Amino acid sequence: MRKEKFSPKNLLISAGIPPEARKSLFWKRVLELLSAPSRSKCGVNISRISANVKDGATVVVVDKVLGAGVCSPKLTIGAMAFSATAKKAIEAAGGKAMSLVDIAKKHPTGKDVAIIK
C-alpha cells in the first residue's frame, strides 16, 4: 500500500481547517484532492472558473489559480496560491481571493461552494 505524502504547505492547510469543517463530506473531498500526487494537479485559469460558475459564487481550487483569461463575474475564490495577474483580475472584477483555510472557516459545511479542478 502506498503511503500518502503531504507537502509542508498542504500540512499547513489541512491543520488550519476547523474541526467542524473536517466532518463535512465537501471538506473531506478537498483534503483528499490535496493529498493527490502533484502530477495530477495543474493550475486553473480564471477563464475556466468564470465559464463554469455564476455571478457571486464561491469556488475552491485545490491548486494554483492562473491569470489567463478574463474574470467577468464577481467571485469569491479560495485556492492554495494565486498568480499576481490572477489576483489583480479577481479584485478588478469585484471578487475576493482567499486562502483555503479562510474559505473553510467561512463555509464549514461546504454548502454553496464549488470545487473546480
Protein backbone atom coordinates (compact mmCIF):
# COMPACT_ATOMS: atom_id res chain seq x y z
CA MET A 1 0.00 0.00 0.00
CA ARG A 2 1.30 3.41 -0.97
CA LYS A 3 2.00 5.90 1.80
CA GLU A 4 0.44 9.31 1.22
CA LYS A 5 2.80 12.26 1.27
CA PHE A 6 1.78 15.76 2.20
CA SER A 7 3.92 18.73 1.31
CA PRO A 8 4.57 21.22 4.13
CA LYS A 9 2.13 23.66 2.50
CA ASN A 10 -0.61 21.00 2.36
CA LEU A 11 0.00 20.16 6.02
CA LEU A 12 -0.50 23.81 6.99
CA ILE A 13 -3.73 23.95 5.04
CA SER A 14 -5.11 20.71 6.48
CA ALA A 15 -4.13 21.77 10.01
CA GLY A 16 -5.86 25.13 9.57
CA ILE A 17 -9.23 23.69 8.55
CA PRO A 18 -11.54 23.81 11.59
CA PRO A 19 -12.71 20.51 13.17
CA GLU A 20 -16.38 21.14 12.33
CA ALA A 21 -15.45 21.56 8.66
CA ARG A 22 -13.46 18.29 8.65
CA LYS A 23 -16.68 16.38 9.34
CA SER A 24 -18.42 17.53 6.16
CA LEU A 25 -18.13 15.46 3.01
CA PHE A 26 -17.16 18.54 0.99
CA TRP A 27 -14.01 19.29 3.01
CA LYS A 28 -13.13 15.59 3.20
CA ARG A 29 -13.09 15.62 -0.62
CA VAL A 30 -10.93 18.77 -0.66
CA LEU A 31 -8.41 17.13 1.70
CA GLU A 32 -8.45 14.01 -0.49
CA LEU A 33 -7.65 16.14 -3.56
CA LEU A 34 -4.84 17.87 -1.64
CA SER A 35 -3.22 14.51 -0.94
CA ALA A 36 -3.25 13.57 -4.65
CA PRO A 37 0.12 13.40 -6.41
CA SER A 38 1.38 16.72 -7.74
CA ARG A 39 1.48 15.29 -11.27
CA SER A 40 -2.29 15.00 -11.30
CA LYS A 41 -2.73 18.65 -10.29
CA CYS A 42 -2.47 21.55 -12.65
CA GLY A 43 -3.23 25.23 -12.36
CA VAL A 44 -6.68 26.54 -13.21
CA ASN A 45 -7.14 29.62 -15.38
CA ILE A 46 -9.59 32.36 -14.48
CA SER A 47 -11.39 31.90 -17.79
CA ARG A 48 -12.24 28.29 -16.87
CA ILE A 49 -13.56 29.33 -13.46
CA SER A 50 -15.73 32.15 -14.79
CA ALA A 51 -17.11 29.93 -17.57
CA ASN A 52 -18.33 27.30 -15.10
CA VAL A 53 -19.90 29.34 -12.29
CA LYS A 54 -22.47 32.09 -11.90
CA ASP A 55 -22.02 35.61 -10.58
CA GLY A 56 -21.49 35.79 -6.80
CA ALA A 57 -20.44 32.15 -6.45
CA THR A 58 -17.86 30.77 -4.04
CA VAL A 59 -15.27 28.46 -5.58
CA VAL A 60 -12.48 26.26 -4.20
CA VAL A 61 -9.44 25.47 -6.34
CA VAL A 62 -7.13 22.81 -4.92
CA ASP A 63 -4.12 24.13 -6.83
CA LYS A 64 -2.90 27.49 -8.12
CA VAL A 65 -5.17 29.99 -9.88
CA LEU A 66 -3.59 31.37 -13.06
CA GLY A 67 -4.36 34.69 -14.73
CA ALA A 68 -5.12 33.65 -18.32
CA GLY A 69 -8.49 34.95 -19.45
CA VAL A 70 -11.00 37.44 -18.14
CA CYS A 71 -12.81 37.22 -14.83
CA SER A 72 -16.21 38.67 -15.66
CA PRO A 73 -18.41 37.63 -12.72
CA LYS A 74 -17.87 38.71 -9.14
CA LEU A 75 -16.44 35.59 -7.44
CA THR A 76 -15.00 34.52 -4.11
CA ILE A 77 -12.17 32.10 -4.86
CA GLY A 78 -10.25 30.05 -2.32
CA ALA A 79 -7.05 28.41 -3.51
CA MET A 80 -3.63 27.22 -2.44
CA ALA A 81 -1.95 30.03 -4.39
CA PHE A 82 -2.71 32.81 -6.86
CA SER A 83 -0.57 34.27 -9.60
CA ALA A 84 -0.16 38.04 -9.45
CA THR A 85 -2.22 38.59 -12.61
CA ALA A 86 -4.99 36.31 -11.34
CA LYS A 87 -5.26 38.18 -8.06
CA LYS A 88 -5.42 41.52 -9.89
CA ALA A 89 -8.11 40.25 -12.28
CA ILE A 90 -10.25 38.82 -9.48
CA GLU A 91 -10.08 42.02 -7.44
CA ALA A 92 -10.70 44.19 -10.54
CA ALA A 93 -13.93 42.27 -11.16
CA GLY A 94 -15.02 42.94 -7.56
CA GLY A 95 -14.27 39.46 -6.23
CA LYS A 96 -12.12 38.15 -3.40
CA ALA A 97 -9.04 35.93 -3.47
CA MET A 98 -8.82 33.95 -0.22
CA SER A 99 -6.88 31.01 1.17
CA LEU A 100 -8.48 27.58 1.56
CA VAL A 101 -8.39 27.92 5.35
CA ASP A 102 -10.34 31.20 5.23
CA ILE A 103 -12.98 29.64 2.97
CA ALA A 104 -13.24 26.62 5.32
CA LYS A 105 -13.81 28.93 8.28
CA LYS A 106 -16.44 30.91 6.38
CA HIS A 107 -18.22 27.84 4.90
CA PRO A 108 -17.62 24.90 7.30
CA THR A 109 -20.32 22.72 5.73
CA GLY A 110 -19.28 23.45 2.15
CA LYS A 111 -22.83 24.39 1.18
CA ASP A 112 -23.00 26.55 -1.98
CA VAL A 113 -19.27 26.11 -2.64
CA ALA A 114 -17.99 24.52 -5.86
CA ILE A 115 -14.73 22.67 -6.49
CA ILE A 116 -13.00 23.49 -9.78
CA LYS A 117 -10.04 21.40 -10.86
